[in-house]
Amino acid sequence: MNEKKVALRIAILGWGSLIWDQRPEFDMHHKGWLRGGPVLMLEFSRISESRKSALTLVIDNTHGEPCETS
């Protein structure tokens, strides 16, 4: 049998504080951000448990606004 190997590719999409906030425990797992990612429908739809109950942006196809990711 002739099996074709497929390389696994993983993408990390970032917006908001994922881009501008320095977090070595996260940043060590990716290279620099590339601009011009896909447009996602984002909205402040979640309350953060780790950021003093701040509202956070999440993918929200119902209430979100188009936002280009990196």
PDB file of N, CA and C in Angstrom:
ATOM      1  N   MET A   1       0.843  -1.174   0.000  1.00  0.00           N
ATOM      2  CA  MET A   1       0.000   0.000   0.000  1.00  0.00           C
ATOM      3  C   MET A   1       0.889   1.238   0.000  1.00  0.00           C
ATOM      4  N   ASN A   2       0.562   2.223  -0.798  1.00  0.00           N
ATOM      5  CA  ASN A   2       1.329   3.458  -0.905  1.00  0.00           C
ATOM      6  C   ASN A   2       0.664   4.532  -0.045  1.00  0.00           C
ATOM      7  N   GLU A   3       1.215   4.749   1.157  1.00  0.00           N
ATOM      8  CA  GLU A   3       0.636   5.744   2.066  1.00  0.00           C
ATOM      9  C   GLU A   3       1.372   7.061   1.935  1.00  0.00           C
ATOM     10  N   LYS A   4       0.627   8.135   1.878  1.00  0.00           N
ATOM     11  CA  LYS A   4       1.209   9.464   1.776  1.00  0.00           C
ATOM     12  C   LYS A   4       1.222  10.093   3.171  1.00  0.00           C
ATOM     13  N   LYS A   5       2.387  10.575   3.600  1.00  0.00           N
ATOM     14  CA  LYS A   5       2.489  11.217   4.903  1.00  0.00           C
ATOM     15  C   LYS A   5       2.057  12.670   4.783  1.00  0.00           C
ATOM     16  N   VAL A   6       1.274  13.106   5.735  1.00  0.00           N
ATOM     17  CA  VAL A   6       0.790  14.483   5.762  1.00  0.00           C
ATOM     18  C   VAL A   6       1.409  15.173   6.973  1.00  0.00           C
ATOM     19  N   ALA A   7       2.034  16.326   6.747  1.00  0.00           N
ATOM     20  CA  ALA A   7       2.643  17.081   7.844  1.00  0.00           C
ATOM     21  C   ALA A   7       1.552  17.776   8.660  1.00  0.00           C
ATOM     22  N   LEU A   8       1.689  17.703   9.960  1.00  0.00           N
ATOM     23  CA  LEU A   8       0.757  18.369  10.854  1.00  0.00           C
ATOM     24  C   LEU A   8       1.132  19.839  10.942  1.00  0.00           C
ATOM     25  N   ARG A   9       0.176  20.726  10.730  1.00  0.00           N
ATOM     26  CA  ARG A   9       0.410  22.162  10.825  1.00  0.00           C
ATOM     27  C   ARG A   9      -0.572  22.753  11.817  1.00  0.00           C
ATOM     28  N   ILE A  10      -0.057  23.540  12.725  1.00  0.00           N
ATOM     29  CA  ILE A  10      -0.885  24.171  13.755  1.00  0.00           C
ATOM     30  C   ILE A  10      -0.745  25.679  13.617  1.00  0.00           C
ATOM     31  N   ALA A  11      -1.844  26.390  13.690  1.00  0.00           N
ATOM     32  CA  ALA A  11      -1.834  27.851  13.633  1.00  0.00           C
ATOM     33  C   ALA A  11      -2.321  28.409  14.959  1.00  0.00           C
ATOM     34  N   ILE A  12      -1.683  29.463  15.417  1.00  0.00           N
ATOM     35  CA  ILE A  12      -2.133  30.190  16.600  1.00  0.00           C
ATOM     36  C   ILE A  12      -2.615  31.547  16.124  1.00  0.00           C
ATOM     37  N   LEU A  13      -3.882  31.836  16.331  1.00  0.00           N
ATOM     38  CA  LEU A  13      -4.432  33.132  15.952  1.00  0.00           C
ATOM     39  C   LEU A  13      -4.388  34.045  17.162  1.00  0.00           C
ATOM     40  N   GLY A  14      -4.032  35.277  16.932  1.00  0.00           N
ATOM     41  CA  GLY A  14      -3.957  36.212  18.043  1.00  0.00           C
ATOM     42  C   GLY A  14      -4.648  37.523  17.739  1.00  0.00           C
ATOM     43  N   TRP A  15      -5.221  38.107  18.777  1.00  0.00           N
ATOM     44  CA  TRP A  15      -5.790  39.448  18.684  1.00  0.00           C
ATOM     45  C   TRP A  15      -5.725  40.049  20.077  1.00  0.00           C
ATOM     46  N   GLY A  16      -5.848  41.348  20.150  1.00  0.00           N
ATOM     47  CA  GLY A  16      -5.855  42.026  21.454  1.00  0.00           C
ATOM     48  C   GLY A  16      -4.591  41.776  22.255  1.00  0.00           C
ATOM     49  N   SER A  17      -4.773  41.437  23.525  1.00  0.00           N
ATOM     50  CA  SER A  17      -3.636  41.286  24.432  1.00  0.00           C
ATOM     51  C   SER A  17      -2.736  40.111  24.081  1.00  0.00           C
ATOM     52  N   LEU A  18      -3.211  39.153  23.297  1.00  0.00           N
ATOM     53  CA  LEU A  18      -2.316  38.080  22.860  1.00  0.00           C
ATOM     54  C   LEU A  18      -1.186  38.639  22.011  1.00  0.00           C
ATOM     55  N   ILE A  19      -1.432  39.741  21.324  1.00  0.00           N
ATOM     56  CA  ILE A  19      -0.425  40.351  20.475  1.00  0.00           C
ATOM     57  C   ILE A  19       0.480  41.285  21.279  1.00  0.00           C
ATOM     58  N   TRP A  20      -0.104  42.185  22.055  1.00  0.00           N
ATOM     59  CA  TRP A  20       0.713  43.229  22.679  1.00  0.00           C
ATOM     60  C   TRP A  20       1.176  42.935  24.099  1.00  0.00           C
ATOM     61  N   ASP A  21       0.561  42.003  24.803  1.00  0.00           N
ATOM     62  CA  ASP A  21       0.956  41.699  26.185  1.00  0.00           C
ATOM     63  C   ASP A  21       2.102  40.690  26.194  1.00  0.00           C
ATOM     64  N   GLN A  22       3.192  41.015  26.867  1.00  0.00           N
ATOM     65  CA  GLN A  22       4.348  40.124  26.954  1.00  0.00           C
ATOM     66  C   GLN A  22       4.092  39.049  28.010  1.00  0.00           C
ATOM     67  N   ARG A  23       4.014  37.796  27.599  1.00  0.00           N
ATOM     68  CA  ARG A  23       3.813  36.660  28.503  1.00  0.00           C
ATOM     69  C   ARG A  23       4.758  35.537  28.091  1.00  0.00           C
ATOM     70  N   PRO A  24       5.946  35.485  28.713  1.00  0.00           N
ATOM     71  CA  PRO A  24       6.941  34.480  28.304  1.00  0.00           C
ATOM     72  C   PRO A  24       6.411  33.053  28.308  1.00  0.00           C
ATOM     73  N   GLU A  25       5.515  32.694  29.227  1.00  0.00           N
ATOM     74  CA  GLU A  25       5.002  31.322  29.291  1.00  0.00           C
ATOM     75  C   GLU A  25       4.167  30.977  28.057  1.00  0.00           C
ATOM     76  N   PHE A  26       3.641  31.984  27.365  1.00  0.00           N
ATOM     77  CA  PHE A  26       2.901  31.766  26.117  1.00  0.00           C
ATOM     78  C   PHE A  26       3.797  32.033  24.912  1.00  0.00           C
ATOM     79  N   ASP A  27       4.529  33.142  24.951  1.00  0.00           N
ATOM     80  CA  ASP A  27       5.338  33.567  23.807  1.00  0.00           C
ATOM     81  C   ASP A  27       6.424  32.566  23.438  1.00  0.00           C
ATOM     82  N   MET A  28       6.885  31.759  24.363  1.00  0.00           N
ATOM     83  CA  MET A  28       7.936  30.788  24.054  1.00  0.00           C
ATOM     84  C   MET A  28       7.448  29.668  23.127  1.00  0.00           C
ATOM     85  N   HIS A  29       6.126  29.575  22.923  1.00  0.00           N
ATOM     86  CA  HIS A  29       5.559  28.501  22.108  1.00  0.00           C
ATOM     87  C   HIS A  29       5.279  28.914  20.666  1.00  0.00           C
ATOM     88  N   HIS A  30       5.615  30.150  20.306  1.00  0.00           N
ATOM     89  CA  HIS A  30       5.368  30.573  18.926  1.00  0.00           C
ATOM     90  C   HIS A  30       6.453  31.544  18.476  1.00  0.00           C
ATOM     91  N   LYS A  31       6.550  31.702  17.172  1.00  0.00           N
ATOM     92  CA  LYS A  31       7.457  32.687  16.587  1.00  0.00           C
ATOM     93  C   LYS A  31       6.735  34.025  16.552  1.00  0.00           C
ATOM     94  N   GLY A  32       7.317  35.002  15.891  1.00  0.00           N
ATOM     95  CA  GLY A  32       6.680  36.317  15.794  1.00  0.00           C
ATOM     96  C   GLY A  32       5.334  36.247  15.092  1.00  0.00           C
ATOM     97  N   TRP A  33       4.502  37.237  15.343  1.00  0.00           N
ATOM     98  CA  TRP A  33       3.175  37.289  14.741  1.00  0.00           C
ATOM     99  C   TRP A  33       3.267  37.721  13.289  1.00  0.00           C
ATOM    100  N   LEU A  34       2.516  37.098  12.428  1.00  0.00           N
ATOM    101  CA  LEU A  34       2.406  37.478  11.026  1.00  0.00           C
ATOM    102  C   LEU A  34       1.101  38.237  10.847  1.00  0.00           C
ATOM    103  N   ARG A  35       1.171  39.404  10.275  1.00  0.00           N
ATOM    104  CA  ARG A  35      -0.037  40.211  10.039  1.00  0.00           C
ATOM    105  C   ARG A  35      -0.852  39.640   8.890  1.00  0.00           C
ATOM    106  N   GLY A  36      -2.116  40.005   8.840  1.00  0.00           N
ATOM    107  CA  GLY A  36      -2.967  39.616   7.716  1.00  0.00           C
ATOM    108  C   GLY A  36      -3.619  38.265   7.870  1.00  0.00           C
ATOM    109  N   GLY A  37      -3.951  37.885   9.093  1.00  0.00           N
ATOM    110  CA  GLY A  37      -4.631  36.611   9.320  1.00  0.00           C
ATOM    111  C   GLY A  37      -6.092  36.671   8.911  1.00  0.00           C
ATOM    112  N   PRO A  38      -6.826  35.595   9.136  1.00  0.00           N
ATOM    113  CA  PRO A  38      -8.238  35.565   8.742  1.00  0.00           C
ATOM    114  C   PRO A  38      -9.069  36.548   9.566  1.00  0.00           C
ATOM    115  N   VAL A  39     -10.159  36.959   8.985  1.00  0.00           N
ATOM    116  CA  VAL A  39     -11.103  37.839   9.676  1.00  0.00           C
ATOM    117  C   VAL A  39     -12.062  36.969  10.480  1.00  0.00           C
ATOM    118  N   LEU A  40     -12.160  37.250  11.776  1.00  0.00           N
ATOM    119  CA  LEU A  40     -13.067  36.521  12.663  1.00  0.00           C
ATOM    120  C   LEU A  40     -14.087  37.481  13.255  1.00  0.00           C
ATOM    121  N   MET A  41     -15.246  36.945  13.591  1.00  0.00           N
ATOM    122  CA  MET A  41     -16.287  37.735  14.243  1.00  0.00           C
ATOM    123  C   MET A  41     -15.991  37.749  15.741  1.00  0.00           C
ATOM    124  N   LEU A  42     -15.546  38.899  16.268  1.00  0.00           N
ATOM    125  CA  LEU A  42     -15.139  39.005  17.669  1.00  0.00           C
ATOM    126  C   LEU A  42     -16.044  39.956  18.432  1.00  0.00           C
ATOM    127  N   GLU A  43     -16.214  39.654  19.709  1.00  0.00           N
ATOM    128  CA  GLU A  43     -17.030  40.500  20.582  1.00  0.00           C
ATOM    129  C   GLU A  43     -16.546  40.311  22.012  1.00  0.00           C
ATOM    130  N   PHE A  44     -16.723  41.345  22.829  1.00  0.00           N
ATOM    131  CA  PHE A  44     -16.423  41.235  24.259  1.00  0.00           C
ATOM    132  C   PHE A  44     -17.548  40.422  24.896  1.00  0.00           C
ATOM    133  N   SER A  45     -17.380  39.102  24.925  1.00  0.00           N
ATOM    134  CA  SER A  45     -18.460  38.207  25.350  1.00  0.00           C
ATOM    135  C   SER A  45     -18.093  37.319  26.522  1.00  0.00           C
ATOM    136  N   ARG A  46     -16.955  37.560  27.168  1.00  0.00           N
ATOM    137  CA  ARG A  46     -16.511  36.671  28.246  1.00  0.00           C
ATOM    138  C   ARG A  46     -15.871  37.489  29.354  1.00  0.00           C
ATOM    139  N   ILE A  47     -16.097  37.092  30.582  1.00  0.00           N
ATOM    140  CA  ILE A  47     -15.461  37.724  31.737  1.00  0.00           C
ATOM    141  C   ILE A  47     -14.265  36.864  32.139  1.00  0.00           C
ATOM    142  N   SER A  48     -13.082  37.485  32.194  1.00  0.00           N
ATOM    143  CA  SER A  48     -11.846  36.772  32.503  1.00  0.00           C
ATOM    144  C   SER A  48     -11.736  36.457  33.984  1.00  0.00           C
ATOM    145  N   GLU A  49     -11.344  35.233  34.297  1.00  0.00           N
ATOM    146  CA  GLU A  49     -11.097  34.864  35.690  1.00  0.00           C
ATOM    147  C   GLU A  49      -9.694  35.273  36.123  1.00  0.00           C
ATOM    148  N   SER A  50      -8.755  35.362  35.163  1.00  0.00           N
ATOM    149  CA  SER A  50      -7.366  35.670  35.513  1.00  0.00           C
ATOM    150  C   SER A  50      -6.994  37.138  35.333  1.00  0.00           C
ATOM    151  N   ARG A  51      -7.873  37.941  34.791  1.00  0.00           N
ATOM    152  CA  ARG A  51      -7.578  39.349  34.517  1.00  0.00           C
ATOM    153  C   ARG A  51      -8.527  40.280  35.274  1.00  0.00           C
ATOM    154  N   LYS A  52      -8.747  39.987  36.541  1.00  0.00           N
ATOM    155  CA  LYS A  52      -9.566  40.846  37.415  1.00  0.00           C
ATOM    156  C   LYS A  52     -10.958  41.109  36.844  1.00  0.00           C
ATOM    157  N   SER A  53     -11.588  40.068  36.317  1.00  0.00           N
ATOM    158  CA  SER A  53     -12.948  40.118  35.770  1.00  0.00           C
ATOM    159  C   SER A  53     -13.094  41.048  34.570  1.00  0.00           C
ATOM    160  N   ALA A  54     -12.019  41.249  33.831  1.00  0.00           N
ATOM    161  CA  ALA A  54     -12.079  42.088  32.631  1.00  0.00           C
ATOM    162  C   ALA A  54     -12.882  41.385  31.548  1.00  0.00           C
ATOM    163  N   LEU A  55     -13.551  42.175  30.722  1.00  0.00           N
ATOM    164  CA  LEU A  55     -14.207  41.611  29.554  1.00  0.00           C
ATOM    165  C   LEU A  55     -13.134  41.213  28.548  1.00  0.00           C
ATOM    166  N   THR A  56     -13.309  40.066  27.910  1.00  0.00           N
ATOM    167  CA  THR A  56     -12.324  39.607  26.939  1.00  0.00           C
ATOM    168  C   THR A  56     -12.989  39.345  25.593  1.00  0.00           C
ATOM    169  N   LEU A  57     -12.213  39.542  24.544  1.00  0.00           N
ATOM    170  CA  LEU A  57     -12.700  39.282  23.195  1.00  0.00           C
ATOM    171  C   LEU A  57     -12.735  37.785  22.928  1.00  0.00           C
ATOM    172  N   VAL A  58     -13.819  37.326  22.342  1.00  0.00           N
ATOM    173  CA  VAL A  58     -13.950  35.924  21.958  1.00  0.00           C
ATOM    174  C   VAL A  58     -14.596  35.846  20.580  1.00  0.00           C
ATOM    175  N   ILE A  59     -14.460  34.701  19.928  1.00  0.00           N
ATOM    176  CA  ILE A  59     -15.151  34.490  18.653  1.00  0.00           C
ATOM    177  C   ILE A  59     -16.635  34.361  18.953  1.00  0.00           C
ATOM    178  N   ASP A  60     -17.429  35.226  18.358  1.00  0.00           N
ATOM    179  CA  ASP A  60     -18.867  35.263  18.608  1.00  0.00           C
ATOM    180  C   ASP A  60     -19.558  35.516  17.267  1.00  0.00           C
ATOM    181  N   ASN A  61     -19.955  34.443  16.609  1.00  0.00           N
ATOM    182  CA  ASN A  61     -20.565  34.559  15.281  1.00  0.00           C
ATOM    183  C   ASN A  61     -21.930  35.231  15.295  1.00  0.00           C
ATOM    184  N   THR A  62     -22.562  35.319  16.448  1.00  0.00           N
ATOM    185  CA  THR A  62     -23.880  35.945  16.531  1.00  0.00           C
ATOM    186  C   THR A  62     -23.789  37.455  16.739  1.00  0.00           C
ATOM    187  N   HIS A  63     -22.935  37.892  17.684  1.00  0.00           N
ATOM    188  CA  HIS A  63     -22.870  39.309  18.042  1.00  0.00           C
ATOM    189  C   HIS A  63     -21.556  39.982  17.647  1.00  0.00           C
ATOM    190  N   GLY A  64     -20.616  39.240  17.120  1.00  0.00           N
ATOM    191  CA  GLY A  64     -19.285  39.758  16.845  1.00  0.00           C
ATOM    192  C   GLY A  64     -19.196  40.705  15.660  1.00  0.00           C
ATOM    193  N   GLU A  65     -18.107  41.459  15.634  1.00  0.00           N
ATOM    194  CA  GLU A  65     -17.769  42.357  14.539  1.00  0.00           C
ATOM    195  C   GLU A  65     -16.526  41.806  13.840  1.00  0.00           C
ATOM    196  N   PRO A  66     -16.410  41.993  12.522  1.00  0.00           N
ATOM    197  CA  PRO A  66     -15.246  41.480  11.798  1.00  0.00           C
ATOM    198  C   PRO A  66     -13.940  42.094  12.316  1.00  0.00           C
ATOM    199  N   CYS A  67     -12.947  41.264  12.574  1.00  0.00           N
ATOM    200  CA  CYS A  67     -11.655  41.711  13.079  1.00  0.00           C
ATOM    201  C   CYS A  67     -10.554  40.877  12.419  1.00  0.00           C
ATOM    202  N   GLU A  68      -9.565  41.558  11.815  1.00  0.00           N
ATOM    203  CA  GLU A  68      -8.438  40.845  11.208  1.00  0.00           C
ATOM    204  C   GLU A  68      -7.515  40.344  12.299  1.00  0.00           C
ATOM    205  N   THR A  69      -7.129  39.096  12.229  1.00  0.00           N
ATOM    206  CA  THR A  69      -6.228  38.501  13.213  1.00  0.00           C
ATOM    207  C   THR A  69      -4.806  38.549  12.705  1.00  0.00           C
ATOM    208  N   SER A  70      -3.873  38.219  13.600  1.00  0.00           N
ATOM    209  CA  SER A  70      -2.455  38.119  13.228  1.00  0.00           C
ATOM    210  C   SER A  70      -2.006  36.700  13.442  1.00  0.00           C
TER     211      SER A  70
END
